[in-house]
Amino acid sequence: AMGLDVVGIEAFEPAHRQGSSHGHSRIIRLAYFEDARYVPMAQRSLELWQRLERESGERIFERTGGLDGGAPDGRLFAGALGSCEVHGLAHEVLDAAAVRQRFPAFRVRPGEHFVFQPDAGSLDPERGIEAHVRMAEALGAQVMTGCRVLCWRVDEDAIDLELDNHRHVRAKSLILAAGPWSTEVLSSGPRSVALTAPTLNVERQVVGWFDPPERGAFDPGVMPVFNHEGLEGHFYGFPALDGRGPKIGRFGHLHEHVDAPLPQSVTAADRELLQGWADVHLRGAGSLHELSECWFT
């Protein structure tokens, strides 16, 4: 549409499980506790996801509302409230009693405070990636799967990429979106890039789904996506979506840094962390049914 000749290079297959964009659900939220400056980007992102839904015919976004909080003097509650106030977002401030009454899946401690923002929800990353690729190819882009970049160099008029299938790609511009392989790809480039590339840490993350509950407290029309800051750390989660039970994770998980995102066996420690939090904070979530790894860079 813009007159560009585009090639996408993917080491695996689209929507694979080796990176940071899988697991059937990802939170999208406007009440950014991290910094209010993220809010306009999140609003624009949500617009574009909804446009992709219309153009692709895929159901990608599930609007659930978002609940963010915990300790009233904590970063999460104060930051979410500040973002809502700075940008005039629709929101409600709820105390622990109000949360328990309105969202019966949650057990919250007396004194905790939360911000409810109604525009948040869950994106299906696999469906979103597959729709992006399908529509890009329909517009003339070429997507090369199952091939890795061995090295790349810059000459006077182009960037040359050598791939492991004995092919070369020459381009005027290069966008690197390698996630946990970013350090490796940057290091395979020109010396000036390799020397100035930032050190990126890859952290192993594990999320878990619980048995699909019979009671409706975990339905997406009743339970919102959430971020909770408490004594056990920062946990986040989702209602029961697409026939699966509710899903939770802890930001940073066990704080394990890895050299490469190679799948490992899920451990008892992974399971105990998530089950233990759910037993205390979710009313009737049941037992962990499935666990999945991803990598934060």
C-alpha atoms as a PDB file:
ATOM      1  CA  ALA A   1       0.000   0.000   0.000  1.00  0.00           C
ATOM      2  CA  MET A   2       2.969   2.337   0.610  1.00  0.00           C
ATOM      3  CA  GLY A   3       4.957   1.170  -2.401  1.00  0.00           C
ATOM      4  CA  LEU A   4       7.455  -0.762  -0.288  1.00  0.00           C
ATOM      5  CA  ASP A   5       9.006  -4.117  -1.167  1.00  0.00           C
ATOM      6  CA  VAL A   6       9.042  -5.993   2.146  1.00  0.00           C
ATOM      7  CA  VAL A   7      10.589  -9.289   3.265  1.00  0.00           C
ATOM      8  CA  GLY A   8       9.977 -10.767   6.720  1.00  0.00           C
ATOM      9  CA  ILE A   9      12.503 -13.317   8.046  1.00  0.00           C
ATOM     10  CA  GLU A  10      11.363 -15.709  10.779  1.00  0.00           C
ATOM     11  CA  ALA A  11      13.621 -18.286  12.415  1.00  0.00           C
ATOM     12  CA  PHE A  12      10.664 -20.518  13.309  1.00  0.00           C
ATOM     13  CA  GLU A  13       7.041 -20.390  12.187  1.00  0.00           C
ATOM     14  CA  PRO A  14       4.643 -17.499  12.800  1.00  0.00           C
ATOM     15  CA  ALA A  15       2.990 -17.663  16.247  1.00  0.00           C
ATOM     16  CA  HIS A  16       5.628 -20.097  17.592  1.00  0.00           C
ATOM     17  CA  ARG A  17       6.186 -20.766  21.302  1.00  0.00           C
ATOM     18  CA  GLN A  18       9.904 -19.875  21.490  1.00  0.00           C
ATOM     19  CA  GLY A  19       9.599 -16.181  22.336  1.00  0.00           C
ATOM     20  CA  SER A  20       7.376 -13.679  24.114  1.00  0.00           C
ATOM     21  CA  SER A  21       4.225 -13.623  21.972  1.00  0.00           C
ATOM     22  CA  HIS A  22       2.253 -16.787  22.641  1.00  0.00           C
ATOM     23  CA  GLY A  23       0.028 -18.261  25.325  1.00  0.00           C
ATOM     24  CA  HIS A  24      -3.452 -17.411  23.923  1.00  0.00           C
ATOM     25  CA  SER A  25      -3.825 -14.199  25.932  1.00  0.00           C
ATOM     26  CA  ARG A  26      -1.929 -10.984  26.585  1.00  0.00           C
ATOM     27  CA  ILE A  27      -3.190  -8.068  28.666  1.00  0.00           C
ATOM     28  CA  ILE A  28      -3.767  -4.763  26.901  1.00  0.00           C
ATOM     29  CA  ARG A  29      -4.507  -1.882  29.276  1.00  0.00           C
ATOM     30  CA  LEU A  30      -4.703   1.891  29.221  1.00  0.00           C
ATOM     31  CA  ALA A  31      -4.162   2.597  32.961  1.00  0.00           C
ATOM     32  CA  TYR A  32      -0.385   2.250  32.666  1.00  0.00           C
ATOM     33  CA  PHE A  33       1.014   2.284  36.193  1.00  0.00           C
ATOM     34  CA  GLU A  34       4.592   2.313  34.835  1.00  0.00           C
ATOM     35  CA  ASP A  35       4.360   5.831  33.361  1.00  0.00           C
ATOM     36  CA  ALA A  36       1.489   7.987  32.104  1.00  0.00           C
ATOM     37  CA  ARG A  37       3.432   8.632  28.887  1.00  0.00           C
ATOM     38  CA  TYR A  38       2.608   5.097  27.735  1.00  0.00           C
ATOM     39  CA  VAL A  39      -1.124   5.854  27.640  1.00  0.00           C
ATOM     40  CA  PRO A  40      -1.356   7.502  24.165  1.00  0.00           C
ATOM     41  CA  MET A  41       0.664   4.615  22.682  1.00  0.00           C
ATOM     42  CA  ALA A  42      -1.637   2.072  24.354  1.00  0.00           C
ATOM     43  CA  GLN A  43      -4.710   3.919  23.057  1.00  0.00           C
ATOM     44  CA  ARG A  44      -3.323   3.923  19.525  1.00  0.00           C
ATOM     45  CA  SER A  45      -2.354   0.264  19.839  1.00  0.00           C
ATOM     46  CA  LEU A  46      -5.891  -0.670  20.896  1.00  0.00           C
ATOM     47  CA  GLU A  47      -7.306   1.246  17.908  1.00  0.00           C
ATOM     48  CA  LEU A  48      -5.011  -0.684  15.552  1.00  0.00           C
ATOM     49  CA  TRP A  49      -5.850  -4.077  17.075  1.00  0.00           C
ATOM     50  CA  GLN A  50      -9.545  -3.331  16.634  1.00  0.00           C
ATOM     51  CA  ARG A  51      -8.899  -2.250  13.052  1.00  0.00           C
ATOM     52  CA  LEU A  52      -7.053  -5.511  12.425  1.00  0.00           C
ATOM     53  CA  GLU A  53     -10.092  -7.382  13.758  1.00  0.00           C
ATOM     54  CA  ARG A  54     -12.384  -5.587  11.321  1.00  0.00           C
ATOM     55  CA  GLU A  55     -10.096  -6.066   8.333  1.00  0.00           C
ATOM     56  CA  SER A  56      -9.163  -9.689   9.040  1.00  0.00           C
ATOM     57  CA  GLY A  57     -12.494 -10.943  10.362  1.00  0.00           C
ATOM     58  CA  GLU A  58     -10.651 -12.512  13.343  1.00  0.00           C
ATOM     59  CA  ARG A  59     -11.743 -12.169  16.968  1.00  0.00           C
ATOM     60  CA  ILE A  60      -8.525 -10.978  18.635  1.00  0.00           C
ATOM     61  CA  PHE A  61      -9.570  -8.607  21.448  1.00  0.00           C
ATOM     62  CA  GLU A  62     -11.778  -9.520  24.423  1.00  0.00           C
ATOM     63  CA  ARG A  63     -12.829  -6.459  26.435  1.00  0.00           C
ATOM     64  CA  THR A  64     -12.967  -7.387  30.119  1.00  0.00           C
ATOM     65  CA  GLY A  65     -11.974  -4.219  31.921  1.00  0.00           C
ATOM     66  CA  GLY A  66      -8.826  -4.078  34.011  1.00  0.00           C
ATOM     67  CA  LEU A  67      -8.279  -4.078  37.769  1.00  0.00           C
ATOM     68  CA  ASP A  68      -4.945  -2.747  39.043  1.00  0.00           C
ATOM     69  CA  GLY A  69      -3.879  -2.232  42.632  1.00  0.00           C
ATOM     70  CA  GLY A  70      -3.000  -3.625  46.019  1.00  0.00           C
ATOM     71  CA  ALA A  71      -1.307  -1.600  48.745  1.00  0.00           C
ATOM     72  CA  PRO A  72      -2.745   1.952  48.648  1.00  0.00           C
ATOM     73  CA  ASP A  73       0.763   3.456  48.804  1.00  0.00           C
ATOM     74  CA  GLY A  74       2.160   0.996  46.236  1.00  0.00           C
ATOM     75  CA  ARG A  75       3.487   1.780  42.778  1.00  0.00           C
ATOM     76  CA  LEU A  76       0.747  -0.155  41.023  1.00  0.00           C
ATOM     77  CA  PHE A  77      -2.312   1.567  42.496  1.00  0.00           C
ATOM     78  CA  ALA A  78      -0.807   5.063  42.528  1.00  0.00           C
ATOM     79  CA  GLY A  79       0.578   4.749  39.003  1.00  0.00           C
ATOM     80  CA  ALA A  80      -2.634   3.394  37.480  1.00  0.00           C
ATOM     81  CA  LEU A  81      -4.685   6.121  39.149  1.00  0.00           C
ATOM     82  CA  GLY A  82      -2.229   8.786  38.013  1.00  0.00           C
ATOM     83  CA  SER A  83      -2.384   7.651  34.376  1.00  0.00           C
ATOM     84  CA  CYS A  84      -6.188   7.711  34.465  1.00  0.00           C
ATOM     85  CA  GLU A  85      -6.238  11.216  35.934  1.00  0.00           C
ATOM     86  CA  VAL A  86      -3.590  12.680  33.609  1.00  0.00           C
ATOM     87  CA  HIS A  87      -5.329  11.401  30.465  1.00  0.00           C
ATOM     88  CA  GLY A  88      -8.957  11.645  31.587  1.00  0.00           C
ATOM     89  CA  LEU A  89      -9.594   7.895  31.298  1.00  0.00           C
ATOM     90  CA  ALA A  90     -12.865   6.462  32.537  1.00  0.00           C
ATOM     91  CA  HIS A  91     -12.113   4.740  35.843  1.00  0.00           C
ATOM     92  CA  GLU A  92     -13.377   3.872  39.308  1.00  0.00           C
ATOM     93  CA  VAL A  93     -11.459   3.612  42.586  1.00  0.00           C
ATOM     94  CA  LEU A  94     -12.569   0.551  44.559  1.00  0.00           C
ATOM     95  CA  ASP A  95     -11.740  -0.479  48.099  1.00  0.00           C
ATOM     96  CA  ALA A  96     -11.379  -4.106  49.158  1.00  0.00           C
ATOM     97  CA  ALA A  97     -15.058  -4.495  50.098  1.00  0.00           C
ATOM     98  CA  ALA A  98     -16.193  -3.141  46.728  1.00  0.00           C
ATOM     99  CA  VAL A  99     -13.866  -5.505  44.854  1.00  0.00           C
ATOM    100  CA  ARG A 100     -15.087  -8.522  46.806  1.00  0.00           C
ATOM    101  CA  GLN A 101     -18.724  -7.620  46.141  1.00  0.00           C
ATOM    102  CA  ARG A 102     -18.315  -6.776  42.461  1.00  0.00           C
ATOM    103  CA  PHE A 103     -15.717  -9.374  41.427  1.00  0.00           C
ATOM    104  CA  PRO A 104     -16.380 -12.525  43.487  1.00  0.00           C
ATOM    105  CA  ALA A 105     -13.372 -14.419  42.060  1.00  0.00           C
ATOM    106  CA  PHE A 106     -10.952 -12.240  44.058  1.00  0.00           C
ATOM    107  CA  ARG A 107      -9.948 -12.502  47.690  1.00  0.00           C
ATOM    108  CA  VAL A 108      -8.397  -9.141  48.584  1.00  0.00           C
ATOM    109  CA  ARG A 109      -7.018  -7.936  51.891  1.00  0.00           C
ATOM    110  CA  PRO A 110      -8.641  -5.188  53.977  1.00  0.00           C
ATOM    111  CA  GLY A 111      -7.055  -1.837  53.204  1.00  0.00           C
ATOM    112  CA  GLU A 112      -6.130  -2.643  49.609  1.00  0.00           C
ATOM    113  CA  HIS A 113      -7.205  -0.210  46.881  1.00  0.00           C
ATOM    114  CA  PHE A 114      -7.753  -0.782  43.166  1.00  0.00           C
ATOM    115  CA  VAL A 115      -8.393   1.139  39.970  1.00  0.00           C
ATOM    116  CA  PHE A 116     -10.938  -0.349  37.570  1.00  0.00           C
ATOM    117  CA  GLN A 117     -10.540   0.868  33.965  1.00  0.00           C
ATOM    118  CA  PRO A 118     -13.250  -0.495  31.625  1.00  0.00           C
ATOM    119  CA  ASP A 119     -11.354  -0.442  28.298  1.00  0.00           C
ATOM    120  CA  ALA A 120      -8.703  -3.047  29.182  1.00  0.00           C
ATOM    121  CA  GLY A 121      -8.868  -6.653  28.078  1.00  0.00           C
ATOM    122  CA  SER A 122      -7.062  -9.573  26.507  1.00  0.00           C
ATOM    123  CA  LEU A 123      -5.505 -10.009  23.075  1.00  0.00           C
ATOM    124  CA  ASP A 124      -4.993 -13.427  21.457  1.00  0.00           C
ATOM    125  CA  PRO A 125      -1.348 -13.175  20.299  1.00  0.00           C
ATOM    126  CA  GLU A 126      -1.364 -16.243  18.032  1.00  0.00           C
ATOM    127  CA  ARG A 127      -4.459 -15.094  16.160  1.00  0.00           C
ATOM    128  CA  GLY A 128      -3.062 -11.578  15.926  1.00  0.00           C
ATOM    129  CA  ILE A 129       0.284 -12.695  14.496  1.00  0.00           C
ATOM    130  CA  GLU A 130      -1.339 -15.064  12.008  1.00  0.00           C
ATOM    131  CA  ALA A 131      -3.713 -12.315  10.858  1.00  0.00           C
ATOM    132  CA  HIS A 132      -0.848  -9.823  10.450  1.00  0.00           C
ATOM    133  CA  VAL A 133       1.184 -12.286   8.375  1.00  0.00           C
ATOM    134  CA  ARG A 134      -1.767 -13.331   6.233  1.00  0.00           C
ATOM    135  CA  MET A 135      -2.710  -9.728   5.453  1.00  0.00           C
ATOM    136  CA  ALA A 136       0.897  -8.678   4.816  1.00  0.00           C
ATOM    137  CA  GLU A 137       1.276 -11.475   2.274  1.00  0.00           C
ATOM    138  CA  ALA A 138      -1.997 -10.453   0.637  1.00  0.00           C
ATOM    139  CA  LEU A 139      -0.510  -6.959   0.191  1.00  0.00           C
ATOM    140  CA  GLY A 140       2.603  -8.407  -1.469  1.00  0.00           C
ATOM    141  CA  ALA A 141       5.042  -8.948   1.404  1.00  0.00           C
ATOM    142  CA  GLN A 142       7.218 -12.056   1.334  1.00  0.00           C
ATOM    143  CA  VAL A 143       7.568 -14.025   4.584  1.00  0.00           C
ATOM    144  CA  MET A 144      10.490 -16.440   4.831  1.00  0.00           C
ATOM    145  CA  THR A 145      10.044 -18.951   7.663  1.00  0.00           C
ATOM    146  CA  GLY A 146      12.416 -21.458   9.187  1.00  0.00           C
ATOM    147  CA  CYS A 147      15.559 -19.471   8.368  1.00  0.00           C
ATOM    148  CA  ARG A 148      17.966 -17.611  10.628  1.00  0.00           C
ATOM    149  CA  VAL A 149      20.190 -14.606  10.030  1.00  0.00           C
ATOM    150  CA  LEU A 150      23.822 -15.759  10.247  1.00  0.00           C
ATOM    151  CA  CYS A 151      25.328 -12.297   9.837  1.00  0.00           C
ATOM    152  CA  TRP A 152      24.622  -8.937   8.268  1.00  0.00           C
ATOM    153  CA  ARG A 153      26.798  -6.150   6.943  1.00  0.00           C
ATOM    154  CA  VAL A 154      26.371  -2.641   5.605  1.00  0.00           C
ATOM    155  CA  ASP A 155      27.945  -1.442   2.383  1.00  0.00           C
ATOM    156  CA  GLU A 156      27.556   1.855   0.535  1.00  0.00           C
ATOM    157  CA  ASP A 157      24.027   1.426  -0.755  1.00  0.00           C
ATOM    158  CA  ALA A 158      22.402  -1.468   1.095  1.00  0.00           C
ATOM    159  CA  ILE A 159      22.316  -3.850   4.026  1.00  0.00           C
ATOM    160  CA  ASP A 160      23.208  -7.446   3.189  1.00  0.00           C
ATOM    161  CA  LEU A 161      21.849 -10.311   5.285  1.00  0.00           C
ATOM    162  CA  GLU A 162      23.254 -13.822   5.007  1.00  0.00           C
ATOM    163  CA  LEU A 163      20.740 -16.513   5.930  1.00  0.00           C
ATOM    164  CA  ASP A 164      21.335 -20.119   6.962  1.00  0.00           C
ATOM    165  CA  ASN A 165      19.526 -21.417   3.846  1.00  0.00           C
ATOM    166  CA  HIS A 166      22.426 -20.123   1.701  1.00  0.00           C
ATOM    167  CA  ARG A 167      20.397 -17.116   0.577  1.00  0.00           C
ATOM    168  CA  HIS A 168      21.208 -13.421   0.802  1.00  0.00           C
ATOM    169  CA  VAL A 169      18.731 -10.579   1.222  1.00  0.00           C
ATOM    170  CA  ARG A 170      19.686  -7.003   0.342  1.00  0.00           C
ATOM    171  CA  ALA A 171      17.623  -4.131   1.678  1.00  0.00           C
ATOM    172  CA  LYS A 172      17.734  -0.358   2.115  1.00  0.00           C
ATOM    173  CA  SER A 173      16.334  -0.585   5.646  1.00  0.00           C
ATOM    174  CA  LEU A 174      16.489  -3.219   8.368  1.00  0.00           C
ATOM    175  CA  ILE A 175      14.140  -3.570  11.335  1.00  0.00           C
ATOM    176  CA  LEU A 176      15.350  -5.982  14.012  1.00  0.00           C
ATOM    177  CA  ALA A 177      12.594  -7.482  16.156  1.00  0.00           C
ATOM    178  CA  ALA A 178      14.409 -10.532  17.501  1.00  0.00           C
ATOM    179  CA  GLY A 179      13.155 -10.508  21.100  1.00  0.00           C
ATOM    180  CA  PRO A 180      15.321 -12.803  23.227  1.00  0.00           C
ATOM    181  CA  TRP A 181      17.726 -13.302  20.295  1.00  0.00           C
ATOM    182  CA  SER A 182      18.380  -9.564  19.947  1.00  0.00           C
ATOM    183  CA  THR A 183      21.865  -9.664  21.469  1.00  0.00           C
ATOM    184  CA  GLU A 184      22.848 -12.520  19.141  1.00  0.00           C
ATOM    185  CA  VAL A 185      21.519 -10.752  16.035  1.00  0.00           C
ATOM    186  CA  LEU A 186      23.065  -7.405  16.954  1.00  0.00           C
ATOM    187  CA  SER A 187      26.405  -9.108  17.595  1.00  0.00           C
ATOM    188  CA  SER A 188      26.311 -10.695  14.145  1.00  0.00           C
ATOM    189  CA  GLY A 189      26.221  -7.279  12.502  1.00  0.00           C
ATOM    190  CA  PRO A 190      28.889  -4.675  11.799  1.00  0.00           C
ATOM    191  CA  ARG A 191      31.544  -4.209  14.462  1.00  0.00           C
ATOM    192  CA  SER A 192      30.311  -0.686  15.248  1.00  0.00           C
ATOM    193  CA  VAL A 193      26.852  -2.096  16.036  1.00  0.00           C
ATOM    194  CA  ALA A 194      28.156  -5.074  18.012  1.00  0.00           C
ATOM    195  CA  LEU A 195      30.362  -2.828  20.176  1.00  0.00           C
ATOM    196  CA  THR A 196      27.574  -0.386  21.028  1.00  0.00           C
ATOM    197  CA  ALA A 197      24.712  -2.898  21.374  1.00  0.00           C
ATOM    198  CA  PRO A 198      23.075  -2.845  24.807  1.00  0.00           C
ATOM    199  CA  THR A 199      23.315  -5.862  27.081  1.00  0.00           C
ATOM    200  CA  LEU A 200      19.870  -7.450  27.152  1.00  0.00           C
ATOM    201  CA  ASN A 201      18.856  -9.891  29.859  1.00  0.00           C
ATOM    202  CA  VAL A 202      16.454 -12.718  29.063  1.00  0.00           C
ATOM    203  CA  GLU A 203      14.279 -13.808  31.966  1.00  0.00           C
ATOM    204  CA  ARG A 204      12.322 -17.054  32.065  1.00  0.00           C
ATOM    205  CA  GLN A 205       8.628 -16.553  32.712  1.00  0.00           C
ATOM    206  CA  VAL A 206       6.011 -19.228  33.493  1.00  0.00           C
ATOM    207  CA  VAL A 207       2.245 -18.778  33.435  1.00  0.00           C
ATOM    208  CA  GLY A 208      -0.413 -21.293  34.393  1.00  0.00           C
ATOM    209  CA  TRP A 209      -4.040 -22.086  33.579  1.00  0.00           C
ATOM    210  CA  PHE A 210      -6.348 -23.563  36.186  1.00  0.00           C
ATOM    211  CA  ASP A 211      -9.103 -26.112  35.739  1.00  0.00           C
ATOM    212  CA  PRO A 212     -12.051 -24.562  33.904  1.00  0.00           C
ATOM    213  CA  PRO A 213     -14.348 -23.627  36.798  1.00  0.00           C
ATOM    214  CA  GLU A 214     -18.030 -24.427  36.828  1.00  0.00           C
ATOM    215  CA  ARG A 215     -19.083 -21.218  38.543  1.00  0.00           C
ATOM    216  CA  GLY A 216     -19.400 -18.017  36.554  1.00  0.00           C
ATOM    217  CA  ALA A 217     -17.178 -15.824  38.719  1.00  0.00           C
ATOM    218  CA  PHE A 218     -14.280 -16.388  36.271  1.00  0.00           C
ATOM    219  CA  ASP A 219     -16.243 -15.588  33.105  1.00  0.00           C
ATOM    220  CA  PRO A 220     -14.795 -12.674  31.078  1.00  0.00           C
ATOM    221  CA  GLY A 221     -18.010 -10.710  31.554  1.00  0.00           C
ATOM    222  CA  VAL A 222     -17.563 -10.947  35.334  1.00  0.00           C
ATOM    223  CA  MET A 223     -13.811 -11.149  36.039  1.00  0.00           C
ATOM    224  CA  PRO A 224     -11.458  -8.519  34.580  1.00  0.00           C
ATOM    225  CA  VAL A 225      -7.805  -8.886  33.656  1.00  0.00           C
ATOM    226  CA  PHE A 226      -5.772  -7.756  36.642  1.00  0.00           C
ATOM    227  CA  ASN A 227      -2.461  -6.687  38.139  1.00  0.00           C
ATOM    228  CA  HIS A 228      -2.039  -7.149  41.897  1.00  0.00           C
ATOM    229  CA  GLU A 229       0.863  -5.929  44.028  1.00  0.00           C
ATOM    230  CA  GLY A 230       1.107  -7.642  47.386  1.00  0.00           C
ATOM    231  CA  LEU A 231       3.460  -9.348  49.818  1.00  0.00           C
ATOM    232  CA  GLU A 232       4.169 -12.135  47.300  1.00  0.00           C
ATOM    233  CA  GLY A 233       5.112  -9.750  44.496  1.00  0.00           C
ATOM    234  CA  HIS A 234       3.357  -8.508  41.360  1.00  0.00           C
ATOM    235  CA  PHE A 235       0.900 -11.069  39.986  1.00  0.00           C
ATOM    236  CA  TYR A 236      -1.277 -10.645  36.907  1.00  0.00           C
ATOM    237  CA  GLY A 237      -4.003 -12.697  35.326  1.00  0.00           C
ATOM    238  CA  PHE A 238      -6.976 -13.333  33.092  1.00  0.00           C
ATOM    239  CA  PRO A 239     -10.505 -14.692  33.327  1.00  0.00           C
ATOM    240  CA  ALA A 240     -11.508 -17.990  31.734  1.00  0.00           C
ATOM    241  CA  LEU A 241     -11.170 -17.449  27.961  1.00  0.00           C
ATOM    242  CA  ASP A 242     -11.846 -19.743  24.984  1.00  0.00           C
ATOM    243  CA  GLY A 243     -12.752 -22.779  27.065  1.00  0.00           C
ATOM    244  CA  ARG A 244      -9.680 -22.530  29.288  1.00  0.00           C
ATOM    245  CA  GLY A 245      -9.652 -21.789  32.984  1.00  0.00           C
ATOM    246  CA  PRO A 246      -8.297 -18.573  34.513  1.00  0.00           C
ATOM    247  CA  LYS A 247      -4.596 -17.852  33.900  1.00  0.00           C
ATOM    248  CA  ILE A 248      -2.055 -16.182  36.196  1.00  0.00           C
ATOM    249  CA  GLY A 249       1.637 -15.350  36.332  1.00  0.00           C
ATOM    250  CA  ARG A 250       4.046 -13.413  38.515  1.00  0.00           C
ATOM    251  CA  PHE A 251       6.026 -10.620  36.914  1.00  0.00           C
ATOM    252  CA  GLY A 252       9.642 -11.819  36.924  1.00  0.00           C
ATOM    253  CA  HIS A 253       8.483 -15.270  38.046  1.00  0.00           C
ATOM    254  CA  LEU A 254      11.501 -16.831  39.865  1.00  0.00           C
ATOM    255  CA  HIS A 255      13.925 -14.206  38.481  1.00  0.00           C
ATOM    256  CA  GLU A 256      15.841 -16.768  36.419  1.00  0.00           C
ATOM    257  CA  HIS A 257      18.072 -15.253  33.742  1.00  0.00           C
ATOM    258  CA  VAL A 258      18.891 -17.522  30.814  1.00  0.00           C
ATOM    259  CA  ASP A 259      21.443 -17.298  28.004  1.00  0.00           C
ATOM    260  CA  ALA A 260      19.025 -18.454  25.328  1.00  0.00           C
ATOM    261  CA  PRO A 261      15.276 -19.087  25.341  1.00  0.00           C
ATOM    262  CA  LEU A 262      15.487 -22.858  25.148  1.00  0.00           C
ATOM    263  CA  PRO A 263      12.456 -24.701  26.526  1.00  0.00           C
ATOM    264  CA  GLN A 264      12.994 -26.231  29.957  1.00  0.00           C
ATOM    265  CA  SER A 265      10.902 -28.594  32.015  1.00  0.00           C
ATOM    266  CA  VAL A 266       8.324 -26.957  34.237  1.00  0.00           C
ATOM    267  CA  THR A 267       9.402 -27.510  37.853  1.00  0.00           C
ATOM    268  CA  ALA A 268       7.708 -28.033  41.200  1.00  0.00           C
ATOM    269  CA  ALA A 269       8.835 -24.520  42.153  1.00  0.00           C
ATOM    270  CA  ASP A 270       6.991 -23.076  39.144  1.00  0.00           C
ATOM    271  CA  ARG A 271       3.837 -24.928  40.071  1.00  0.00           C
ATOM    272  CA  GLU A 272       4.011 -24.150  43.804  1.00  0.00           C
ATOM    273  CA  LEU A 273       4.465 -20.409  43.216  1.00  0.00           C
ATOM    274  CA  LEU A 274       1.354 -20.075  41.047  1.00  0.00           C
ATOM    275  CA  GLN A 275      -0.859 -22.567  42.886  1.00  0.00           C
ATOM    276  CA  GLY A 276       0.078 -21.054  46.236  1.00  0.00           C
ATOM    277  CA  TRP A 277      -0.920 -17.543  45.162  1.00  0.00           C
ATOM    278  CA  ALA A 278      -4.192 -18.708  43.632  1.00  0.00           C
ATOM    279  CA  ASP A 279      -5.136 -20.673  46.746  1.00  0.00           C
ATOM    280  CA  VAL A 280      -4.882 -17.472  48.780  1.00  0.00           C
ATOM    281  CA  HIS A 281      -6.154 -14.842  46.331  1.00  0.00           C
ATOM    282  CA  LEU A 282      -8.658 -16.522  43.983  1.00  0.00           C
ATOM    283  CA  ARG A 283     -11.907 -18.010  45.254  1.00  0.00           C
ATOM    284  CA  GLY A 284     -12.480 -21.415  43.663  1.00  0.00           C
ATOM    285  CA  ALA A 285      -9.802 -21.389  40.930  1.00  0.00           C
ATOM    286  CA  GLY A 286      -9.094 -25.103  41.415  1.00  0.00           C
ATOM    287  CA  SER A 287      -5.832 -26.801  40.448  1.00  0.00           C
ATOM    288  CA  LEU A 288      -3.263 -25.861  37.848  1.00  0.00           C
ATOM    289  CA  HIS A 289      -4.155 -27.547  34.595  1.00  0.00           C
ATOM    290  CA  GLU A 290      -1.372 -26.415  32.234  1.00  0.00           C
ATOM    291  CA  LEU A 291       1.816 -24.350  32.438  1.00  0.00           C
ATOM    292  CA  SER A 292       3.692 -22.525  29.688  1.00  0.00           C
ATOM    293  CA  GLU A 293       7.057 -20.783  29.437  1.00  0.00           C
ATOM    294  CA  CYS A 294       7.848 -17.539  27.694  1.00  0.00           C
ATOM    295  CA  TRP A 295      10.797 -15.128  27.841  1.00  0.00           C
ATOM    296  CA  PHE A 296      10.920 -11.492  28.846  1.00  0.00           C
ATOM    297  CA  THR A 297      13.761  -9.471  27.326  1.00  0.00           C
END
